[in-house]
C-alpha cells in the first residue's frame, strides 16, 4: 500500500477525550469518515503529555502502531471524539 501524503489536508479538527472533554490534539484530517487512526506526522498541535493518554483524566484513548509503515495512533472505539 502507498504511504499517506505527508503534507496532507489543510483542514484541521479538534480531537478531545470523550469522558472528560480535555483537548488531545489538532489533527489534519481528510475525508468525512469516523476517526479511526491518526498519523503522527499529521498532528498539528499536541496537548498530550504521554502517547495515547488523556492529560485530563489519564485514560488511554489510543494505541501506538504502524499503519502502512508510518507511525500512527489507533483510536480505541468511543474514547475520543472530534469536532
C-alpha atoms as a PDB file:
ATOM      1  CA  UNK A   1       0.000   0.000   0.000  1.00  0.00           C
ATOM      2  CA  UNK A   2       1.034   3.574  -0.561  1.00  0.00           C
ATOM      3  CA  UNK A   3       2.201   5.774   2.294  1.00  0.00           C
ATOM      4  CA  UNK A   4      -0.087   8.655   3.322  1.00  0.00           C
ATOM      5  CA  UNK A   5       0.613  12.103   1.928  1.00  0.00           C
ATOM      6  CA  UNK A   6       2.923  13.891   4.430  1.00  0.00           C
ATOM      7  CA  UNK A   7       1.533  17.344   3.788  1.00  0.00           C
ATOM      8  CA  UNK A   8      -1.994  16.022   3.979  1.00  0.00           C
ATOM      9  CA  UNK A   9      -5.175  18.066   4.120  1.00  0.00           C
ATOM     10  CA  UNK A  10      -5.283  21.697   5.237  1.00  0.00           C
ATOM     11  CA  UNK A  11      -8.483  21.395   7.307  1.00  0.00           C
ATOM     12  CA  UNK A  12      -7.862  20.636  10.993  1.00  0.00           C
ATOM     13  CA  UNK A  13     -10.215  19.056  13.511  1.00  0.00           C
ATOM     14  CA  UNK A  14     -10.088  19.240  17.306  1.00  0.00           C
ATOM     15  CA  UNK A  15      -9.762  15.816  18.926  1.00  0.00           C
ATOM     16  CA  UNK A  16     -10.987  15.601  22.535  1.00  0.00           C
ATOM     17  CA  UNK A  17     -11.416  12.956  25.238  1.00  0.00           C
ATOM     18  CA  UNK A  18     -14.939  11.500  25.236  1.00  0.00           C
ATOM     19  CA  UNK A  19     -15.007  11.168  29.046  1.00  0.00           C
ATOM     20  CA  UNK A  20     -13.683  14.498  30.376  1.00  0.00           C
ATOM     21  CA  UNK A  21     -13.665  16.655  27.222  1.00  0.00           C
ATOM     22  CA  UNK A  22      -9.987  17.622  27.519  1.00  0.00           C
ATOM     23  CA  UNK A  23      -8.304  18.650  24.248  1.00  0.00           C
ATOM     24  CA  UNK A  24      -5.948  15.951  22.943  1.00  0.00           C
ATOM     25  CA  UNK A  25      -4.652  17.446  19.695  1.00  0.00           C
ATOM     26  CA  UNK A  26      -5.411  19.312  16.483  1.00  0.00           C
ATOM     27  CA  UNK A  27      -5.291  16.898  13.552  1.00  0.00           C
ATOM     28  CA  UNK A  28      -5.215  17.463   9.777  1.00  0.00           C
ATOM     29  CA  UNK A  29      -7.988  15.031   8.790  1.00  0.00           C
ATOM     30  CA  UNK A  30      -9.052  14.205   5.265  1.00  0.00           C
ATOM     31  CA  UNK A  31     -12.486  12.917   4.335  1.00  0.00           C
ATOM     32  CA  UNK A  32     -15.810  12.677   6.138  1.00  0.00           C
ATOM     33  CA  UNK A  33     -15.469   9.346   7.907  1.00  0.00           C
ATOM     34  CA  UNK A  34     -15.009   8.434  11.538  1.00  0.00           C
ATOM     35  CA  UNK A  35     -11.718   8.980  13.350  1.00  0.00           C
ATOM     36  CA  UNK A  36     -10.121   5.514  13.363  1.00  0.00           C
ATOM     37  CA  UNK A  37      -6.404   6.312  13.165  1.00  0.00           C
ATOM     38  CA  UNK A  38      -4.264   9.424  13.419  1.00  0.00           C
ATOM     39  CA  UNK A  39      -0.928   9.583  11.628  1.00  0.00           C
ATOM     40  CA  UNK A  40       1.611  11.262  13.924  1.00  0.00           C
ATOM     41  CA  UNK A  41       3.036  13.392  11.102  1.00  0.00           C
ATOM     42  CA  UNK A  42      -0.413  14.954  10.543  1.00  0.00           C
ATOM     43  CA  UNK A  43      -0.863  16.131  14.157  1.00  0.00           C
ATOM     44  CA  UNK A  44      -0.687  19.927  14.010  1.00  0.00           C
ATOM     45  CA  UNK A  45      -0.657  20.606  17.777  1.00  0.00           C
ATOM     46  CA  UNK A  46      -0.316  18.003  20.540  1.00  0.00           C
ATOM     47  CA  UNK A  47      -1.716  18.611  24.042  1.00  0.00           C
ATOM     48  CA  UNK A  48      -0.965  15.151  25.496  1.00  0.00           C
ATOM     49  CA  UNK A  49       1.940  14.510  27.860  1.00  0.00           C
ATOM     50  CA  UNK A  50       2.271  10.762  27.215  1.00  0.00           C
ATOM     51  CA  UNK A  51       1.473   8.914  23.986  1.00  0.00           C
ATOM     52  CA  UNK A  52      -2.130   7.727  23.965  1.00  0.00           C
ATOM     53  CA  UNK A  53      -3.101   9.052  27.414  1.00  0.00           C
ATOM     54  CA  UNK A  54      -5.573  11.856  28.139  1.00  0.00           C
ATOM     55  CA  UNK A  55      -3.972  14.799  30.013  1.00  0.00           C
ATOM     56  CA  UNK A  56      -7.200  15.420  31.972  1.00  0.00           C
ATOM     57  CA  UNK A  57      -8.325  12.024  33.287  1.00  0.00           C
ATOM     58  CA  UNK A  58      -5.306   9.843  32.403  1.00  0.00           C
ATOM     59  CA  UNK A  59      -7.431   7.347  30.454  1.00  0.00           C
ATOM     60  CA  UNK A  60      -5.918   5.600  27.422  1.00  0.00           C
ATOM     61  CA  UNK A  61      -7.610   6.763  24.207  1.00  0.00           C
ATOM     62  CA  UNK A  62      -5.254   5.259  21.576  1.00  0.00           C
ATOM     63  CA  UNK A  63      -2.565   2.663  20.933  1.00  0.00           C
ATOM     64  CA  UNK A  64       0.787   3.245  19.250  1.00  0.00           C
ATOM     65  CA  UNK A  65       1.062   1.333  15.982  1.00  0.00           C
ATOM     66  CA  UNK A  66       2.449   1.315  12.456  1.00  0.00           C
ATOM     67  CA  UNK A  67      -0.046   1.827   9.618  1.00  0.00           C
ATOM     68  CA  UNK A  68       1.367   1.323   6.109  1.00  0.00           C
ATOM     69  CA  UNK A  69       4.862   1.654   7.618  1.00  0.00           C
ATOM     70  CA  UNK A  70       4.148   5.057   9.194  1.00  0.00           C
ATOM     71  CA  UNK A  71       3.807   5.716  12.977  1.00  0.00           C
ATOM     72  CA  UNK A  72       0.200   6.332  13.970  1.00  0.00           C
ATOM     73  CA  UNK A  73      -2.292   6.268  16.847  1.00  0.00           C
ATOM     74  CA  UNK A  74      -5.059   3.673  16.550  1.00  0.00           C
ATOM     75  CA  UNK A  75      -8.050   5.229  18.328  1.00  0.00           C
ATOM     76  CA  UNK A  76      -9.854   2.945  20.808  1.00  0.00           C
ATOM     77  CA  UNK A  77     -13.570   2.925  19.940  1.00  0.00           C
ATOM     78  CA  UNK A  78     -15.586   5.611  21.730  1.00  0.00           C
ATOM     79  CA  UNK A  79     -12.668   7.048  23.748  1.00  0.00           C
ATOM     80  CA  UNK A  80     -12.002  10.119  21.565  1.00  0.00           C
ATOM     81  CA  UNK A  81     -14.291  12.455  19.626  1.00  0.00           C
ATOM     82  CA  UNK A  82     -13.585  15.129  17.025  1.00  0.00           C
ATOM     83  CA  UNK A  83     -15.317  18.397  16.152  1.00  0.00           C
END
